Amino acid sequence: MELSLLRSCRLFQGMNDREIVQALACLGARERSYAKGEYLIHAGSPAGETGLVLTGSALVIREDYWGNRSILSIVTPGELLVEAFAGGEKQPLPVSVQAAEYTEAVLLNTGRLLSSRCDRCHLKAQLIRTMLDILLDDHRKLLSKIEDSTQRSTREKLMSYLSRQALDAGSERFTIPFNRQALADYLGVDRSALSREMGNMAKEGLIAYDRNAFTLLKADNQP
């Protein structure tokens, strides 16, 4: 396992290499690789385990009875998977995690942090504090997704999402992590309707885009 990849992960911030190795052992770390489209975690699996993405990216999704999916978030290198459910071993996971591309991850049994087996580990308190900080950030992201997806029209949903991306990037030019289908699934809209609305907004001088790269513009008739 590449320690160089783990040093930059938020979960291990402030730890030296020896402490990272100790934390991995405490959490029963297991390294895995996944092809694009392969599931890292299935809905219905017991909670109590999370994962840390090392390379690639993964989508946290919910699927209904007919296989329609909604993307809740995208997980990139250094970020944790489904950490909100990591301690609830008695409850099945309500979401799945699917590789968006070739992805390498480390699976972690974070449920151990709540058991007595880790009581003698001096890193336990630090890991729990960091997990709580990460959960707070994820809560903010979830609120942003709710705000985007509950807008009335496809255009309003898209404008809400793109505006937030620009603000987060600190620039009118930015790149999003989704392709067209994934963006449609994230916003809860039809892909054709999304593409059509993007084309209309480009014609009106509101946006310019090339694949995943976007620029927000201001139309001449806008204040």
Protein backbone atom coordinates (compact mmCIF):
# COMPACT_ATOMS: atom_id res chain seq x y z
CA MET A 1 0.00 0.00 0.00
CA GLU A 2 1.47 3.35 -1.06
CA LEU A 3 1.98 5.50 2.03
CA SER A 4 2.58 8.48 -0.27
CA LEU A 5 -1.08 8.25 -1.30
CA LEU A 6 -2.29 7.94 2.27
CA ARG A 7 -0.34 10.90 3.68
CA SER A 8 -2.54 13.33 1.77
CA CYS A 9 -5.79 11.68 2.91
CA ARG A 10 -7.73 13.75 5.40
CA LEU A 11 -8.38 10.75 7.65
CA PHE A 12 -4.65 10.46 8.38
CA GLN A 13 -3.76 14.15 8.60
CA GLY A 14 -1.25 14.84 11.37
CA MET A 15 -0.04 11.23 11.47
CA ASN A 16 3.46 10.05 10.64
CA ASP A 17 4.06 6.92 8.56
CA ARG A 18 4.30 4.65 11.60
CA GLU A 19 1.00 5.93 12.96
CA ILE A 20 -0.69 5.54 9.56
CA VAL A 21 0.43 1.90 9.41
CA GLN A 22 -0.84 1.39 12.97
CA ALA A 23 -4.20 2.99 12.13
CA LEU A 24 -4.56 0.78 9.05
CA ALA A 25 -3.92 -2.32 11.14
CA CYS A 26 -6.43 -1.17 13.78
CA LEU A 27 -9.07 -0.67 11.07
CA GLY A 28 -8.39 -3.98 9.33
CA ALA A 29 -7.41 -2.27 6.07
CA ARG A 30 -7.72 -4.27 2.84
CA GLU A 31 -6.62 -2.86 -0.52
CA ARG A 32 -8.82 -3.57 -3.57
CA SER A 33 -9.05 -2.48 -7.21
CA TYR A 34 -12.25 -2.14 -9.27
CA ALA A 35 -13.02 -1.89 -12.98
CA LYS A 36 -15.31 0.86 -14.27
CA GLY A 37 -18.92 0.01 -13.37
CA GLU A 38 -17.94 -2.53 -10.71
CA TYR A 39 -19.55 -2.18 -7.30
CA LEU A 40 -17.34 -1.41 -4.33
CA ILE A 41 -20.28 -1.67 -1.92
CA HIS A 42 -23.82 -2.97 -2.51
CA ALA A 43 -26.97 -1.55 -0.93
CA GLY A 44 -28.25 -3.98 1.67
CA SER A 45 -24.77 -4.91 2.83
CA PRO A 46 -24.10 -4.61 6.57
CA ALA A 47 -22.91 -1.15 7.58
CA GLY A 48 -19.83 -0.68 9.73
CA GLU A 49 -17.32 -0.56 6.90
CA THR A 50 -16.16 2.31 4.74
CA GLY A 51 -13.54 2.76 2.08
CA LEU A 52 -10.86 5.25 1.18
CA VAL A 53 -10.38 6.02 -2.51
CA LEU A 54 -6.71 6.05 -3.52
CA THR A 55 -6.98 6.47 -7.30
CA GLY A 56 -9.88 6.93 -9.71
CA SER A 57 -13.36 7.90 -8.47
CA ALA A 58 -16.60 6.29 -7.33
CA LEU A 59 -20.28 7.23 -7.32
CA VAL A 60 -22.54 6.90 -4.29
CA ILE A 61 -25.92 5.94 -5.74
CA ARG A 62 -29.44 4.89 -4.83
CA GLU A 63 -31.34 2.57 -7.14
CA ASP A 64 -35.07 1.91 -7.12
CA TYR A 65 -36.87 -1.38 -7.77
CA TRP A 66 -36.71 -0.81 -11.56
CA GLY A 67 -33.02 0.01 -11.62
CA ASN A 68 -33.35 3.78 -11.99
CA ARG A 69 -30.46 5.43 -10.23
CA SER A 70 -29.88 8.71 -8.47
CA ILE A 71 -26.33 9.89 -7.82
CA LEU A 72 -25.89 11.26 -4.32
CA SER A 73 -22.22 12.18 -4.55
CA ILE A 74 -18.91 11.45 -6.23
CA VAL A 75 -15.91 10.29 -4.19
CA THR A 76 -12.44 11.28 -5.37
CA PRO A 77 -8.91 10.29 -4.16
CA GLY A 78 -8.38 10.92 -0.48
CA GLU A 79 -12.10 10.83 0.35
CA LEU A 80 -14.11 8.26 2.29
CA LEU A 81 -17.04 6.16 1.08
CA VAL A 82 -20.41 6.05 2.93
CA GLU A 83 -18.77 7.16 6.17
CA ALA A 84 -22.15 8.37 7.44
CA PHE A 85 -23.09 4.70 7.93
CA ALA A 86 -19.68 3.47 9.02
CA GLY A 87 -20.61 2.84 12.64
CA GLY A 88 -24.07 1.35 12.21
CA GLU A 89 -23.26 -2.33 11.97
CA LYS A 90 -26.84 -3.44 12.75
CA GLN A 91 -28.40 -1.56 9.83
CA PRO A 92 -28.02 -2.44 6.12
CA LEU A 93 -26.63 0.21 3.82
CA PRO A 94 -29.29 2.15 1.87
CA VAL A 95 -26.85 3.11 -0.89
CA SER A 96 -24.40 1.46 -3.27
CA VAL A 97 -20.96 2.63 -4.39
CA GLN A 98 -19.92 2.08 -8.01
CA ALA A 99 -16.57 2.74 -9.67
CA ALA A 100 -16.88 5.62 -12.18
CA GLU A 101 -13.54 4.53 -13.70
CA TYR A 102 -10.73 2.16 -12.78
CA THR A 103 -10.46 2.74 -9.04
CA GLU A 104 -8.18 1.63 -6.24
CA ALA A 105 -9.48 1.81 -2.68
CA VAL A 106 -8.70 0.68 0.83
CA LEU A 107 -11.61 -0.88 2.74
CA LEU A 108 -11.69 0.07 6.43
CA ASN A 109 -13.68 -1.47 9.28
CA THR A 110 -14.47 1.80 11.06
CA GLY A 111 -16.98 -0.02 13.24
CA ARG A 112 -13.97 -1.13 15.25
CA LEU A 113 -13.59 2.42 16.54
CA LEU A 114 -16.76 1.87 18.58
CA SER A 115 -15.64 -1.49 19.96
CA SER A 116 -13.44 -2.25 22.94
CA ARG A 117 -10.70 -3.77 20.77
CA CYS A 118 -9.45 -0.28 19.88
CA ASP A 119 -9.62 1.14 23.42
CA ARG A 120 -5.86 0.78 23.88
CA CYS A 121 -5.06 2.44 20.56
CA HIS A 122 -3.86 6.01 21.21
CA LEU A 123 -5.02 6.98 17.70
CA LYS A 124 -8.67 6.11 18.37
CA ALA A 125 -9.71 9.57 19.61
CA GLN A 126 -7.94 11.31 16.74
CA LEU A 127 -9.58 9.07 14.13
CA ILE A 128 -13.04 9.61 15.65
CA ARG A 129 -12.57 13.41 15.70
CA THR A 130 -11.48 13.40 12.07
CA MET A 131 -14.42 11.20 11.07
CA LEU A 132 -16.81 13.65 12.73
CA ASP A 133 -15.26 16.57 10.84
CA ILE A 134 -15.63 14.67 7.57
CA LEU A 135 -19.26 13.88 8.39
CA LEU A 136 -19.99 17.57 8.91
CA ASP A 137 -18.52 18.41 5.51
CA ASP A 138 -20.57 15.64 3.91
CA HIS A 139 -23.69 17.03 5.55
CA ARG A 140 -23.01 20.41 3.93
CA LYS A 141 -22.53 18.72 0.55
CA LEU A 142 -25.81 16.85 0.95
CA LEU A 143 -27.64 20.09 1.71
CA SER A 144 -26.17 21.58 -1.47
CA LYS A 145 -27.34 18.58 -3.50
CA ILE A 146 -30.85 18.90 -2.02
CA GLU A 147 -30.92 22.58 -2.94
CA ASP A 148 -29.84 21.84 -6.53
CA SER A 149 -32.17 18.90 -7.13
CA THR A 150 -35.27 20.50 -5.63
CA GLN A 151 -35.30 23.45 -8.01
CA ARG A 152 -38.41 23.43 -10.19
CA SER A 153 -37.07 23.25 -13.73
CA THR A 154 -34.13 21.60 -15.45
CA ARG A 155 -32.62 25.03 -16.11
CA GLU A 156 -32.98 26.10 -12.48
CA LYS A 157 -31.38 22.87 -11.27
CA LEU A 158 -28.49 23.27 -13.71
CA MET A 159 -27.95 26.95 -12.88
CA SER A 160 -27.98 26.19 -9.14
CA TYR A 161 -25.39 23.44 -9.59
CA LEU A 162 -23.11 25.41 -11.93
CA SER A 163 -23.30 28.52 -9.76
CA ARG A 164 -22.19 26.49 -6.74
CA GLN A 165 -19.31 24.94 -8.69
CA ALA A 166 -18.12 28.39 -9.76
CA LEU A 167 -18.28 29.68 -6.19
CA ASP A 168 -16.38 26.65 -4.89
CA ALA A 169 -13.73 27.08 -7.59
CA GLY A 170 -13.49 30.82 -7.00
CA SER A 171 -13.71 31.38 -10.75
CA GLU A 172 -16.22 31.53 -13.57
CA ARG A 173 -14.15 28.79 -15.23
CA PHE A 174 -14.24 25.32 -13.68
CA THR A 175 -14.42 21.60 -14.42
CA ILE A 176 -17.15 19.33 -13.06
CA PRO A 177 -16.59 15.67 -12.09
CA PHE A 178 -19.61 14.32 -14.02
CA ASN A 179 -20.25 13.30 -17.61
CA ARG A 180 -23.67 14.18 -19.09
CA GLN A 181 -25.48 11.05 -17.91
CA ALA A 182 -24.00 11.27 -14.43
CA LEU A 183 -24.91 14.96 -14.17
CA ALA A 184 -28.48 14.16 -15.24
CA ASP A 185 -28.66 11.40 -12.62
CA TYR A 186 -27.25 13.74 -9.97
CA LEU A 187 -29.77 16.49 -10.73
CA GLY A 188 -32.65 14.04 -11.23
CA VAL A 189 -33.47 15.10 -14.80
CA ASP A 190 -33.67 13.46 -18.21
CA ARG A 191 -30.36 13.46 -20.08
CA SER A 192 -31.92 14.71 -23.33
CA ALA A 193 -33.65 17.55 -21.50
CA LEU A 194 -30.39 18.44 -19.79
CA SER A 195 -28.42 18.51 -23.05
CA ARG A 196 -31.15 20.59 -24.70
CA GLU A 197 -31.16 23.10 -21.85
CA MET A 198 -27.39 23.37 -21.90
CA GLY A 199 -27.54 24.11 -25.62
CA ASN A 200 -30.19 26.78 -25.07
CA MET A 201 -28.18 28.42 -22.29
CA ALA A 202 -25.09 28.47 -24.51
CA LYS A 203 -27.06 30.13 -27.34
CA GLU A 204 -28.34 32.75 -24.89
CA GLY A 205 -24.81 33.56 -23.79
CA LEU A 206 -25.22 32.28 -20.25
CA ILE A 207 -22.63 29.51 -20.38
CA ALA A 208 -19.89 28.08 -22.55
CA TYR A 209 -18.74 24.50 -22.23
CA ASP A 210 -16.52 21.83 -23.71
CA ARG A 211 -17.25 18.41 -22.27
CA ASN A 212 -16.71 18.82 -18.50
CA ALA A 213 -15.16 22.31 -18.67
CA PHE A 214 -17.61 25.17 -18.10
CA THR A 215 -17.48 28.96 -18.14
CA LEU A 216 -20.29 31.06 -16.69
CA LEU A 217 -21.07 34.12 -18.77
CA LYS A 218 -23.39 37.08 -18.40
CA ALA A 219 -25.77 37.68 -21.27
CA ASP A 220 -25.94 41.19 -22.71
CA ASN A 221 -29.47 41.64 -21.43
CA GLN A 222 -28.56 40.55 -17.93
CA PRO A 223 -27.88 43.20 -15.28
